[in-house]
Amino acid sequence: MLPLFIIAGCSSVLTKVSERIIVDNSGCNTIALTGANVIPMVSDKVLINRTVIIKDGFIQSMGESSEAKVPEDAFLIDARGKYLLPGLVDMHVHISDDNDLLLLLSHGVTTVRNMSDLPGWVKTFMGFSDVLSLRRKVREGKIVGPDIYSTGLVLDGSPPVSPFNKEVSTPEEIEEEIKRQKKAGYGYIKIYDMLTPECNGCGNGL
């Protein structure tokens, strides 16, 4: 999945979500977006009528469409009248299932940080998906969605603010839980209000 977002376009390889689209580049080594209005994010100027060449998931070149050289083997996407911008990063989400991933992607979000996982019984009862499983499927190209970075269960003291939080009362308990989350594949630790001062920071360096 390319870290780019196109607003309001059309093509046979584009999956429509609401009025926006998602570009699925699986099976295409080279893609040319022609006639796009590019939002570069380094100034308030919009670059009008540009052709962007993407190869193997990376932008190779961008120039005025009248001068751009499009490779013969490129898959063409007519982006005239559309806007192209870098993928957005949402640093605080709570993912329930793959529908959330499509919703995020349809609004231009190509990377997310999921700010808590839930106990297994909650996910079973609510019908929620496992976030690490969703992350793996996205990275393997099995489903469409933003790249996911996630915390595990929220680490909290006694009594925990939420029944969904993991209660840890001693430095030993929090270190054990951090090791477990790290081994499971979570990239971040989230601590919460009732954690005691002696537990704060005791997992640094693990």
N, C-alpha and C. Protein backbone atom coordinates (compact mmCIF):
# COMPACT_ATOMS: atom_id res chain seq x y z
N MET A 1 0.84 -1.19 0.00
CA MET A 1 0.00 0.00 0.00
C MET A 1 0.88 1.24 0.00
N LEU A 2 0.66 2.12 -0.98
CA LEU A 2 1.48 3.32 -1.09
C LEU A 2 1.11 4.32 -0.01
N PRO A 3 2.12 5.01 0.56
CA PRO A 3 1.84 6.02 1.58
C PRO A 3 1.38 7.33 0.97
N LEU A 4 0.39 7.25 0.09
CA LEU A 4 -0.16 8.42 -0.57
C LEU A 4 -1.67 8.34 -0.50
N PHE A 5 -2.32 9.47 -0.70
CA PHE A 5 -3.77 9.50 -0.65
C PHE A 5 -4.28 10.38 -1.76
N ILE A 6 -5.29 9.87 -2.49
CA ILE A 6 -5.89 10.63 -3.58
C ILE A 6 -7.32 10.97 -3.19
N ILE A 7 -7.70 12.22 -3.32
CA ILE A 7 -9.06 12.63 -3.04
C ILE A 7 -9.87 12.67 -4.33
N ALA A 8 -10.97 11.91 -4.32
CA ALA A 8 -11.95 11.92 -5.41
C ALA A 8 -11.33 11.53 -6.74
N GLY A 9 -11.24 10.23 -7.00
CA GLY A 9 -10.70 9.77 -8.26
C GLY A 9 -11.45 8.56 -8.76
N CYS A 10 -10.98 7.98 -9.86
CA CYS A 10 -11.64 6.79 -10.38
C CYS A 10 -10.65 5.95 -11.17
N SER A 11 -10.76 4.63 -11.04
CA SER A 11 -9.94 3.69 -11.79
C SER A 11 -10.42 2.29 -11.46
N SER A 12 -10.13 1.33 -12.33
CA SER A 12 -10.58 -0.04 -12.11
C SER A 12 -9.88 -0.69 -10.94
N VAL A 13 -8.72 -0.17 -10.51
CA VAL A 13 -8.00 -0.77 -9.39
C VAL A 13 -8.21 0.02 -8.10
N LEU A 14 -9.17 0.91 -8.08
CA LEU A 14 -9.40 1.72 -6.90
C LEU A 14 -10.62 1.22 -6.16
N THR A 15 -10.47 1.03 -4.87
CA THR A 15 -11.56 0.58 -4.03
C THR A 15 -12.26 1.81 -3.45
N LYS A 16 -13.53 1.97 -3.76
CA LYS A 16 -14.25 3.16 -3.30
C LYS A 16 -14.67 2.99 -1.85
N VAL A 17 -14.43 4.02 -1.05
CA VAL A 17 -14.92 4.09 0.32
C VAL A 17 -15.49 5.49 0.50
N SER A 18 -16.81 5.58 0.74
CA SER A 18 -17.52 6.85 0.73
C SER A 18 -17.26 7.53 -0.62
N GLU A 19 -16.75 8.77 -0.60
CA GLU A 19 -16.47 9.46 -1.85
C GLU A 19 -14.99 9.53 -2.12
N ARG A 20 -14.21 8.82 -1.30
CA ARG A 20 -12.77 8.84 -1.48
C ARG A 20 -12.33 7.48 -1.99
N ILE A 21 -11.06 7.36 -2.34
CA ILE A 21 -10.59 6.12 -2.93
C ILE A 21 -9.28 5.69 -2.31
N ILE A 22 -9.01 4.40 -2.42
CA ILE A 22 -7.77 3.82 -1.92
C ILE A 22 -7.05 3.18 -3.10
N VAL A 23 -5.76 3.46 -3.22
CA VAL A 23 -4.99 2.89 -4.31
C VAL A 23 -4.35 1.58 -3.85
N ASP A 24 -4.70 0.50 -4.51
CA ASP A 24 -4.10 -0.80 -4.22
C ASP A 24 -3.10 -1.10 -5.33
N ASN A 25 -1.81 -1.06 -5.00
CA ASN A 25 -0.79 -1.22 -6.02
C ASN A 25 -0.24 -2.64 -6.09
N SER A 26 -0.94 -3.61 -5.48
CA SER A 26 -0.46 -4.97 -5.52
C SER A 26 -0.38 -5.47 -6.96
N GLY A 27 0.73 -6.03 -7.32
CA GLY A 27 0.92 -6.57 -8.67
C GLY A 27 1.40 -5.55 -9.68
N CYS A 28 1.50 -4.28 -9.29
CA CYS A 28 1.97 -3.24 -10.22
C CYS A 28 3.32 -2.71 -9.73
N ASN A 29 4.36 -2.89 -10.54
CA ASN A 29 5.68 -2.40 -10.15
C ASN A 29 5.82 -0.90 -10.34
N THR A 30 5.18 -0.39 -11.39
CA THR A 30 5.28 1.03 -11.70
C THR A 30 3.89 1.62 -11.91
N ILE A 31 3.64 2.73 -11.24
CA ILE A 31 2.36 3.43 -11.36
C ILE A 31 2.64 4.88 -11.72
N ALA A 32 1.85 5.41 -12.64
CA ALA A 32 1.95 6.82 -13.01
C ALA A 32 0.62 7.50 -12.75
N LEU A 33 0.64 8.48 -11.87
CA LEU A 33 -0.54 9.30 -11.62
C LEU A 33 -0.39 10.56 -12.45
N THR A 34 -1.26 10.75 -13.41
CA THR A 34 -1.11 11.84 -14.36
C THR A 34 -2.12 12.95 -14.09
N GLY A 35 -1.64 14.19 -14.22
CA GLY A 35 -2.52 15.34 -14.11
C GLY A 35 -2.96 15.70 -12.71
N ALA A 36 -2.29 15.20 -11.68
CA ALA A 36 -2.72 15.41 -10.30
C ALA A 36 -2.35 16.82 -9.81
N ASN A 37 -3.14 17.31 -8.89
CA ASN A 37 -2.80 18.52 -8.15
C ASN A 37 -2.14 18.06 -6.84
N VAL A 38 -0.86 18.34 -6.69
CA VAL A 38 -0.08 17.78 -5.58
C VAL A 38 0.01 18.79 -4.44
N ILE A 39 -0.30 18.30 -3.23
CA ILE A 39 -0.14 19.10 -2.02
C ILE A 39 1.16 18.65 -1.36
N PRO A 40 2.23 19.45 -1.47
CA PRO A 40 3.56 18.98 -1.04
C PRO A 40 3.81 19.02 0.46
N MET A 41 2.99 19.75 1.23
CA MET A 41 3.11 19.84 2.69
C MET A 41 4.33 20.63 3.17
N VAL A 42 5.06 21.27 2.28
CA VAL A 42 6.20 22.09 2.70
C VAL A 42 5.90 23.58 2.48
N SER A 43 4.76 23.87 1.87
CA SER A 43 4.32 25.25 1.67
C SER A 43 2.82 25.22 1.45
N ASP A 44 2.22 26.39 1.35
CA ASP A 44 0.79 26.46 1.12
C ASP A 44 0.45 26.47 -0.37
N LYS A 45 1.43 26.19 -1.21
CA LYS A 45 1.24 26.20 -2.64
C LYS A 45 0.86 24.81 -3.14
N VAL A 46 -0.15 24.75 -4.00
CA VAL A 46 -0.56 23.49 -4.62
C VAL A 46 0.11 23.39 -5.99
N LEU A 47 0.76 22.27 -6.26
CA LEU A 47 1.43 22.05 -7.54
C LEU A 47 0.41 21.49 -8.53
N ILE A 48 0.06 22.29 -9.49
CA ILE A 48 -1.03 21.97 -10.42
C ILE A 48 -0.54 21.09 -11.57
N ASN A 49 -1.37 20.12 -11.95
CA ASN A 49 -1.17 19.30 -13.13
C ASN A 49 0.21 18.64 -13.15
N ARG A 50 0.47 17.82 -12.17
CA ARG A 50 1.74 17.10 -12.07
C ARG A 50 1.54 15.61 -12.34
N THR A 51 2.58 14.99 -12.87
CA THR A 51 2.60 13.54 -13.05
C THR A 51 3.62 12.96 -12.08
N VAL A 52 3.17 11.99 -11.30
CA VAL A 52 4.00 11.36 -10.29
C VAL A 52 4.24 9.90 -10.69
N ILE A 53 5.52 9.52 -10.74
CA ILE A 53 5.89 8.15 -11.08
C ILE A 53 6.31 7.41 -9.81
N ILE A 54 5.68 6.27 -9.58
CA ILE A 54 5.96 5.46 -8.39
C ILE A 54 6.43 4.09 -8.85
N LYS A 55 7.54 3.63 -8.29
CA LYS A 55 8.07 2.32 -8.64
C LYS A 55 8.39 1.55 -7.38
N ASP A 56 7.88 0.33 -7.29
CA ASP A 56 8.11 -0.54 -6.14
C ASP A 56 7.77 0.15 -4.82
N GLY A 57 6.71 0.96 -4.84
CA GLY A 57 6.24 1.59 -3.62
C GLY A 57 6.92 2.89 -3.25
N PHE A 58 7.86 3.36 -4.10
CA PHE A 58 8.58 4.60 -3.81
C PHE A 58 8.39 5.60 -4.94
N ILE A 59 8.28 6.88 -4.59
CA ILE A 59 8.16 7.92 -5.59
C ILE A 59 9.49 8.10 -6.30
N GLN A 60 9.49 7.93 -7.60
CA GLN A 60 10.70 8.07 -8.39
C GLN A 60 10.89 9.47 -8.96
N SER A 61 9.78 10.08 -9.34
CA SER A 61 9.88 11.41 -9.94
C SER A 61 8.53 12.10 -9.91
N MET A 62 8.60 13.44 -10.01
CA MET A 62 7.39 14.24 -10.13
C MET A 62 7.72 15.44 -11.00
N GLY A 63 6.86 15.75 -11.94
CA GLY A 63 7.10 16.90 -12.80
C GLY A 63 5.82 17.34 -13.47
N GLU A 64 5.92 18.43 -14.20
CA GLU A 64 4.76 18.92 -14.93
C GLU A 64 4.33 17.87 -15.95
N SER A 65 3.04 17.67 -16.05
CA SER A 65 2.53 16.59 -16.90
C SER A 65 2.93 16.77 -18.35
N SER A 66 3.07 18.00 -18.80
CA SER A 66 3.42 18.25 -20.20
C SER A 66 4.85 17.82 -20.52
N GLU A 67 5.69 17.68 -19.47
CA GLU A 67 7.10 17.33 -19.68
C GLU A 67 7.47 15.96 -19.12
N ALA A 68 6.59 15.35 -18.39
CA ALA A 68 6.93 14.09 -17.71
C ALA A 68 7.06 12.94 -18.70
N LYS A 69 8.05 12.06 -18.43
CA LYS A 69 8.24 10.87 -19.22
C LYS A 69 7.68 9.67 -18.45
N VAL A 70 6.63 9.10 -18.99
CA VAL A 70 5.95 7.99 -18.33
C VAL A 70 6.48 6.67 -18.88
N PRO A 71 6.99 5.78 -18.03
CA PRO A 71 7.47 4.48 -18.50
C PRO A 71 6.38 3.70 -19.23
N GLU A 72 6.79 2.96 -20.26
CA GLU A 72 5.82 2.23 -21.07
C GLU A 72 5.08 1.16 -20.28
N ASP A 73 5.73 0.60 -19.25
CA ASP A 73 5.09 -0.47 -18.48
C ASP A 73 4.31 0.04 -17.27
N ALA A 74 4.17 1.36 -17.16
CA ALA A 74 3.50 1.92 -16.00
C ALA A 74 1.99 1.72 -16.08
N PHE A 75 1.38 1.46 -14.93
CA PHE A 75 -0.07 1.45 -14.85
C PHE A 75 -0.52 2.90 -14.67
N LEU A 76 -1.40 3.36 -15.53
CA LEU A 76 -1.80 4.77 -15.55
C LEU A 76 -3.04 5.01 -14.71
N ILE A 77 -2.98 6.05 -13.90
CA ILE A 77 -4.14 6.52 -13.15
C ILE A 77 -4.37 7.98 -13.53
N ASP A 78 -5.51 8.23 -14.13
CA ASP A 78 -5.87 9.58 -14.54
C ASP A 78 -6.32 10.36 -13.31
N ALA A 79 -5.47 11.27 -12.84
CA ALA A 79 -5.75 12.02 -11.62
C ALA A 79 -6.11 13.48 -11.91
N ARG A 80 -6.52 13.76 -13.14
CA ARG A 80 -6.90 15.13 -13.46
C ARG A 80 -8.09 15.59 -12.62
N GLY A 81 -7.93 16.78 -12.02
CA GLY A 81 -8.97 17.31 -11.17
C GLY A 81 -8.97 16.76 -9.75
N LYS A 82 -8.02 15.85 -9.47
CA LYS A 82 -7.92 15.25 -8.15
C LYS A 82 -6.72 15.85 -7.39
N TYR A 83 -6.63 15.54 -6.11
CA TYR A 83 -5.55 16.07 -5.28
C TYR A 83 -4.78 14.92 -4.66
N LEU A 84 -3.45 15.02 -4.70
CA LEU A 84 -2.56 13.99 -4.16
C LEU A 84 -1.77 14.59 -2.99
N LEU A 85 -1.77 13.89 -1.85
CA LEU A 85 -1.03 14.38 -0.70
C LEU A 85 -0.38 13.22 0.04
N PRO A 86 0.65 13.49 0.83
CA PRO A 86 1.28 12.43 1.62
C PRO A 86 0.27 11.81 2.59
N GLY A 87 0.46 10.53 2.88
CA GLY A 87 -0.42 9.87 3.83
C GLY A 87 -0.33 10.51 5.21
N LEU A 88 -1.46 10.60 5.89
CA LEU A 88 -1.52 11.19 7.22
C LEU A 88 -1.25 10.14 8.29
N VAL A 89 -0.80 10.59 9.46
CA VAL A 89 -0.52 9.71 10.60
C VAL A 89 -1.44 10.11 11.75
N ASP A 90 -2.26 9.18 12.21
CA ASP A 90 -3.12 9.42 13.38
C ASP A 90 -2.47 8.74 14.58
N MET A 91 -2.06 9.53 15.56
CA MET A 91 -1.30 9.02 16.69
C MET A 91 -2.15 8.56 17.86
N HIS A 92 -3.48 8.62 17.74
CA HIS A 92 -4.33 8.15 18.84
C HIS A 92 -5.62 7.58 18.26
N VAL A 93 -5.64 6.27 18.06
CA VAL A 93 -6.85 5.59 17.59
C VAL A 93 -7.12 4.39 18.50
N HIS A 94 -8.35 3.86 18.38
CA HIS A 94 -8.73 2.62 19.05
C HIS A 94 -9.42 1.74 18.00
N ILE A 95 -8.70 0.75 17.52
CA ILE A 95 -9.17 -0.07 16.40
C ILE A 95 -10.02 -1.23 16.91
N SER A 96 -11.18 -1.40 16.27
CA SER A 96 -12.07 -2.51 16.62
C SER A 96 -11.99 -3.65 15.62
N ASP A 97 -11.98 -3.30 14.32
CA ASP A 97 -11.95 -4.33 13.29
C ASP A 97 -11.46 -3.73 11.98
N ASP A 98 -11.51 -4.53 10.90
CA ASP A 98 -10.98 -4.06 9.63
C ASP A 98 -11.84 -2.95 9.01
N ASN A 99 -13.08 -2.79 9.46
CA ASN A 99 -13.87 -1.66 8.98
C ASN A 99 -13.27 -0.33 9.43
N ASP A 100 -12.70 -0.33 10.64
CA ASP A 100 -12.01 0.87 11.12
C ASP A 100 -10.83 1.20 10.21
N LEU A 101 -10.14 0.17 9.76
CA LEU A 101 -8.97 0.39 8.90
C LEU A 101 -9.37 1.05 7.59
N LEU A 102 -10.47 0.58 6.99
CA LEU A 102 -10.94 1.18 5.75
C LEU A 102 -11.40 2.62 5.97
N LEU A 103 -12.05 2.86 7.10
CA LEU A 103 -12.50 4.22 7.40
C LEU A 103 -11.32 5.17 7.53
N LEU A 104 -10.28 4.73 8.25
CA LEU A 104 -9.09 5.56 8.41
C LEU A 104 -8.43 5.82 7.06
N LEU A 105 -8.26 4.76 6.30
CA LEU A 105 -7.57 4.89 5.01
C LEU A 105 -8.35 5.77 4.05
N SER A 106 -9.67 5.67 4.09
CA SER A 106 -10.50 6.48 3.19
C SER A 106 -10.41 7.96 3.50
N HIS A 107 -9.92 8.30 4.70
CA HIS A 107 -9.74 9.71 5.06
C HIS A 107 -8.26 10.12 5.00
N GLY A 108 -7.45 9.32 4.33
CA GLY A 108 -6.08 9.72 4.09
C GLY A 108 -5.08 9.28 5.13
N VAL A 109 -5.51 8.50 6.12
CA VAL A 109 -4.61 8.06 7.19
C VAL A 109 -3.95 6.75 6.77
N THR A 110 -2.63 6.76 6.61
CA THR A 110 -1.90 5.57 6.16
C THR A 110 -1.06 4.94 7.26
N THR A 111 -0.97 5.59 8.44
CA THR A 111 -0.26 5.03 9.59
C THR A 111 -1.03 5.42 10.85
N VAL A 112 -1.17 4.46 11.79
CA VAL A 112 -1.88 4.76 13.03
C VAL A 112 -1.11 4.22 14.22
N ARG A 113 -1.33 4.85 15.38
CA ARG A 113 -0.88 4.30 16.66
C ARG A 113 -2.12 3.95 17.48
N ASN A 114 -2.32 2.65 17.66
CA ASN A 114 -3.47 2.18 18.44
C ASN A 114 -3.12 2.29 19.92
N MET A 115 -3.94 3.02 20.67
CA MET A 115 -3.55 3.42 22.02
C MET A 115 -3.99 2.49 23.14
N SER A 116 -4.50 1.34 22.82
CA SER A 116 -4.71 0.30 23.84
C SER A 116 -5.27 -0.93 23.17
N ASP A 117 -4.87 -2.09 23.68
CA ASP A 117 -5.53 -3.32 23.29
C ASP A 117 -6.53 -3.67 24.39
N LEU A 118 -7.31 -4.70 24.16
CA LEU A 118 -8.35 -5.09 25.10
C LEU A 118 -8.16 -6.54 25.53
N PRO A 119 -8.65 -6.90 26.71
CA PRO A 119 -8.58 -8.31 27.12
C PRO A 119 -9.31 -9.20 26.12
N GLY A 120 -8.88 -10.44 26.03
CA GLY A 120 -9.46 -11.37 25.07
C GLY A 120 -10.96 -11.54 25.24
N TRP A 121 -11.44 -11.58 26.49
CA TRP A 121 -12.88 -11.79 26.71
C TRP A 121 -13.70 -10.62 26.20
N VAL A 122 -13.15 -9.41 26.26
CA VAL A 122 -13.86 -8.25 25.74
C VAL A 122 -13.96 -8.33 24.22
N LYS A 123 -12.86 -8.68 23.57
CA LYS A 123 -12.87 -8.78 22.12
C LYS A 123 -13.83 -9.87 21.65
N THR A 124 -13.87 -10.98 22.37
CA THR A 124 -14.80 -12.06 22.01
C THR A 124 -16.24 -11.61 22.18
N PHE A 125 -16.55 -10.98 23.30
CA PHE A 125 -17.91 -10.53 23.58
C PHE A 125 -18.37 -9.46 22.60
N MET A 126 -17.48 -8.52 22.28
CA MET A 126 -17.84 -7.40 21.40
C MET A 126 -17.66 -7.71 19.93
N GLY A 127 -17.03 -8.84 19.63
CA GLY A 127 -16.78 -9.18 18.23
C GLY A 127 -15.65 -8.38 17.62
N PHE A 128 -14.72 -7.89 18.46
CA PHE A 128 -13.61 -7.09 17.96
C PHE A 128 -12.50 -8.00 17.43
N SER A 129 -11.73 -7.48 16.50
CA SER A 129 -10.60 -8.22 15.94
C SER A 129 -9.36 -8.04 16.80
N ASP A 130 -8.43 -8.97 16.68
CA ASP A 130 -7.15 -8.85 17.37
C ASP A 130 -6.26 -7.87 16.61
N VAL A 131 -5.78 -6.83 17.29
CA VAL A 131 -5.06 -5.76 16.60
C VAL A 131 -3.74 -6.24 16.02
N LEU A 132 -3.05 -7.16 16.70
CA LEU A 132 -1.79 -7.68 16.16
C LEU A 132 -2.03 -8.52 14.93
N SER A 133 -3.16 -9.23 14.90
CA SER A 133 -3.52 -10.01 13.71
C SER A 133 -3.84 -9.08 12.54
N LEU A 134 -4.55 -8.00 12.82
CA LEU A 134 -4.84 -7.02 11.77
C LEU A 134 -3.56 -6.40 11.24
N ARG A 135 -2.64 -6.07 12.14
CA ARG A 135 -1.37 -5.48 11.71
C ARG A 135 -0.62 -6.43 10.79
N ARG A 136 -0.57 -7.70 11.17
CA ARG A 136 0.13 -8.70 10.36
C ARG A 136 -0.51 -8.83 8.98
N LYS A 137 -1.82 -8.87 8.93
CA LYS A 137 -2.52 -9.03 7.65
C LYS A 137 -2.30 -7.82 6.73
N VAL A 138 -2.28 -6.62 7.33
CA VAL A 138 -2.00 -5.42 6.53
C VAL A 138 -0.59 -5.48 5.96
N ARG A 139 0.37 -5.83 6.79
CA ARG A 139 1.77 -5.83 6.34
C ARG A 139 2.05 -6.96 5.35
N GLU A 140 1.26 -8.02 5.42
CA GLU A 140 1.41 -9.12 4.46
C GLU A 140 0.58 -8.90 3.20
N GLY A 141 -0.17 -7.82 3.15
CA GLY A 141 -0.96 -7.50 1.97
C GLY A 141 -2.25 -8.30 1.85
N LYS A 142 -2.69 -8.93 2.95
CA LYS A 142 -3.91 -9.75 2.91
C LYS A 142 -5.17 -8.91 3.06
N ILE A 143 -5.07 -7.78 3.75
CA ILE A 143 -6.18 -6.84 3.86
C ILE A 143 -5.65 -5.44 3.60
N VAL A 144 -6.56 -4.52 3.30
CA VAL A 144 -6.19 -3.13 3.03
C VAL A 144 -6.36 -2.31 4.30
N GLY A 145 -5.34 -1.53 4.64
CA GLY A 145 -5.44 -0.69 5.82
C GLY A 145 -4.15 0.07 6.06
N PRO A 146 -4.18 1.00 7.00
CA PRO A 146 -2.97 1.74 7.36
C PRO A 146 -2.01 0.83 8.13
N ASP A 147 -0.74 1.20 8.14
CA ASP A 147 0.23 0.49 8.96
C ASP A 147 -0.08 0.76 10.43
N ILE A 148 -0.01 -0.29 11.27
CA ILE A 148 -0.47 -0.19 12.65
C ILE A 148 0.70 -0.34 13.62
N TYR A 149 0.79 0.59 14.56
CA TYR A 149 1.66 0.46 15.73
C TYR A 149 0.74 0.48 16.94
N SER A 150 0.99 -0.38 17.92
CA SER A 150 0.01 -0.53 18.98
C SER A 150 0.64 -0.74 20.35
N THR A 151 -0.05 -0.23 21.38
CA THR A 151 0.26 -0.59 22.75
C THR A 151 -0.49 -1.88 23.08
N GLY A 152 -0.14 -2.49 24.20
CA GLY A 152 -0.89 -3.65 24.68
C GLY A 152 -1.96 -3.20 25.65
N LEU A 153 -2.29 -4.05 26.63
CA LEU A 153 -3.23 -3.65 27.67
C LEU A 153 -2.70 -2.45 28.43
N VAL A 154 -3.58 -1.55 28.79
CA VAL A 154 -3.20 -0.38 29.58
C VAL A 154 -2.79 -0.83 30.98
N LEU A 155 -1.63 -0.39 31.44
CA LEU A 155 -1.13 -0.77 32.76
C LEU A 155 -1.61 0.25 33.79
N ASP A 156 -2.31 -0.24 34.80
CA ASP A 156 -2.96 0.63 35.77
C ASP A 156 -2.72 0.08 37.18
N GLY A 157 -2.95 0.92 38.18
CA GLY A 157 -2.78 0.51 39.57
C GLY A 157 -4.07 -0.06 40.14
N SER A 158 -4.17 0.00 41.46
CA SER A 158 -5.31 -0.58 42.15
C SER A 158 -6.08 0.50 42.91
N PRO A 159 -7.41 0.61 42.67
CA PRO A 159 -8.17 -0.15 41.67
C PRO A 159 -7.98 0.48 40.29
N PRO A 160 -8.02 -0.31 39.22
CA PRO A 160 -7.85 0.26 37.88
C PRO A 160 -9.01 1.17 37.51
N VAL A 161 -8.72 2.20 36.74
CA VAL A 161 -9.75 3.15 36.31
C VAL A 161 -10.80 2.44 35.46
N SER A 162 -10.35 1.52 34.62
CA SER A 162 -11.26 0.77 33.75
C SER A 162 -11.09 -0.72 34.00
N PRO A 163 -12.16 -1.50 33.93
CA PRO A 163 -12.03 -2.95 34.08
C PRO A 163 -11.26 -3.59 32.93
N PHE A 164 -11.05 -2.81 31.87
CA PHE A 164 -10.29 -3.32 30.72
C PHE A 164 -8.78 -3.15 30.91
N ASN A 165 -8.37 -2.36 31.92
CA ASN A 165 -6.95 -2.13 32.17
C ASN A 165 -6.33 -3.31 32.91
N LYS A 166 -5.03 -3.47 32.77
CA LYS A 166 -4.29 -4.51 33.47
C LYS A 166 -3.79 -3.96 34.79
N GLU A 167 -4.24 -4.56 35.90
CA GLU A 167 -3.83 -4.10 37.22
C GLU A 167 -2.46 -4.64 37.58
N VAL A 168 -1.54 -3.73 37.90
CA VAL A 168 -0.20 -4.10 38.36
C VAL A 168 0.11 -3.29 39.62
N SER A 169 0.54 -3.97 40.67
CA SER A 169 0.69 -3.31 41.96
C SER A 169 2.13 -3.14 42.42
N THR A 170 3.05 -3.86 41.81
CA THR A 170 4.45 -3.80 42.24
C THR A 170 5.36 -3.64 41.04
N PRO A 171 6.59 -3.17 41.25
CA PRO A 171 7.54 -3.08 40.14
C PRO A 171 7.77 -4.42 39.47
N GLU A 172 7.74 -5.49 40.23
CA GLU A 172 7.95 -6.82 39.65
C GLU A 172 6.81 -7.18 38.70
N GLU A 173 5.60 -6.85 39.10
CA GLU A 173 4.44 -7.16 38.26
C GLU A 173 4.46 -6.37 36.96
N ILE A 174 4.80 -5.08 37.05
CA ILE A 174 4.80 -4.27 35.84
C ILE A 174 5.93 -4.69 34.91
N GLU A 175 7.08 -5.05 35.44
CA GLU A 175 8.18 -5.51 34.59
C GLU A 175 7.80 -6.81 33.89
N GLU A 176 7.14 -7.71 34.60
CA GLU A 176 6.70 -8.97 34.01
C GLU A 176 5.71 -8.73 32.88
N GLU A 177 4.78 -7.79 33.10
CA GLU A 177 3.77 -7.50 32.08
C GLU A 177 4.39 -6.81 30.87
N ILE A 178 5.36 -5.93 31.09
CA ILE A 178 6.03 -5.27 29.98
C ILE A 178 6.79 -6.28 29.14
N LYS A 179 7.46 -7.22 29.78
CA LYS A 179 8.17 -8.27 29.04
C LYS A 179 7.19 -9.11 28.22
N ARG A 180 6.01 -9.39 28.81
CA ARG A 180 5.01 -10.19 28.10
C ARG A 180 4.50 -9.44 26.87
N GLN A 181 4.23 -8.15 27.03
CA GLN A 181 3.73 -7.37 25.90
C GLN A 181 4.78 -7.23 24.81
N LYS A 182 6.01 -7.02 25.22
CA LYS A 182 7.10 -6.91 24.25
C LYS A 182 7.25 -8.20 23.45
N LYS A 183 7.19 -9.33 24.13
CA LYS A 183 7.32 -10.62 23.47
C LYS A 183 6.15 -10.87 22.51
N ALA A 184 4.97 -10.38 22.87
CA ALA A 184 3.79 -10.58 22.03
C ALA A 184 3.87 -9.76 20.74
N GLY A 185 4.66 -8.67 20.76
CA GLY A 185 4.81 -7.88 19.55
C GLY A 185 4.31 -6.45 19.64
N TYR A 186 3.89 -6.03 20.81
CA TYR A 186 3.47 -4.64 20.97
C TYR A 186 4.69 -3.72 20.99
N GLY A 187 4.51 -2.52 20.43
CA GLY A 187 5.64 -1.62 20.31
C GLY A 187 5.71 -0.54 21.37
N TYR A 188 4.64 -0.37 22.14
CA TYR A 188 4.57 0.71 23.11
C TYR A 188 3.92 0.22 24.41
N ILE A 189 4.19 0.93 25.49
CA ILE A 189 3.57 0.68 26.78
C ILE A 189 2.74 1.90 27.15
N LYS A 190 1.50 1.65 27.57
CA LYS A 190 0.65 2.75 28.02
C LYS A 190 0.34 2.57 29.50
N ILE A 191 0.66 3.59 30.30
CA ILE A 191 0.38 3.53 31.73
C ILE A 191 -0.78 4.48 32.04
N TYR A 192 -1.42 4.23 33.20
CA TYR A 192 -2.62 5.00 33.49
C TYR A 192 -2.62 5.55 34.92
N ASP A 193 -3.75 6.18 35.28
CA ASP A 193 -3.81 7.09 36.41
C ASP A 193 -3.43 6.49 37.76
N MET A 194 -3.82 5.25 38.02
CA MET A 194 -3.69 4.70 39.36
C MET A 194 -2.35 3.99 39.60
N LEU A 195 -1.47 4.02 38.63
CA LEU A 195 -0.16 3.40 38.80
C LEU A 195 0.61 4.15 39.89
N THR A 196 1.23 3.42 40.81
CA THR A 196 1.93 4.05 41.94
C THR A 196 3.24 4.67 41.48
N PRO A 197 3.74 5.67 42.20
CA PRO A 197 5.02 6.31 41.84
C PRO A 197 6.17 5.31 41.75
N GLU A 198 6.18 4.30 42.60
CA GLU A 198 7.28 3.33 42.57
C GLU A 198 7.26 2.47 41.30
N CYS A 199 6.08 2.38 40.66
CA CYS A 199 5.98 1.59 39.43
C CYS A 199 6.29 2.42 38.19
N ASN A 200 6.10 3.73 38.28
CA ASN A 200 6.37 4.59 37.13
C ASN A 200 7.85 4.52 36.76
N GLY A 201 8.12 4.18 35.52
CA GLY A 201 9.49 4.15 35.03
C GLY A 201 10.26 2.91 35.37
N CYS A 202 9.65 1.96 36.12
CA CYS A 202 10.44 0.81 36.53
C CYS A 202 10.67 -0.17 35.37
N GLY A 203 9.98 0.03 34.27
CA GLY A 203 10.21 -0.85 33.12
C GLY A 203 11.17 -0.26 32.10
N ASN A 204 11.76 0.90 32.40
CA ASN A 204 12.72 1.51 31.47
C ASN A 204 13.90 0.58 31.24
N GLY A 205 14.25 0.45 29.97
CA GLY A 205 15.41 -0.38 29.63
C GLY A 205 15.08 -1.82 29.33
N LEU A 206 13.82 -2.22 29.54
CA LEU A 206 13.45 -3.61 29.25
C LEU A 206 13.33 -3.83 27.75
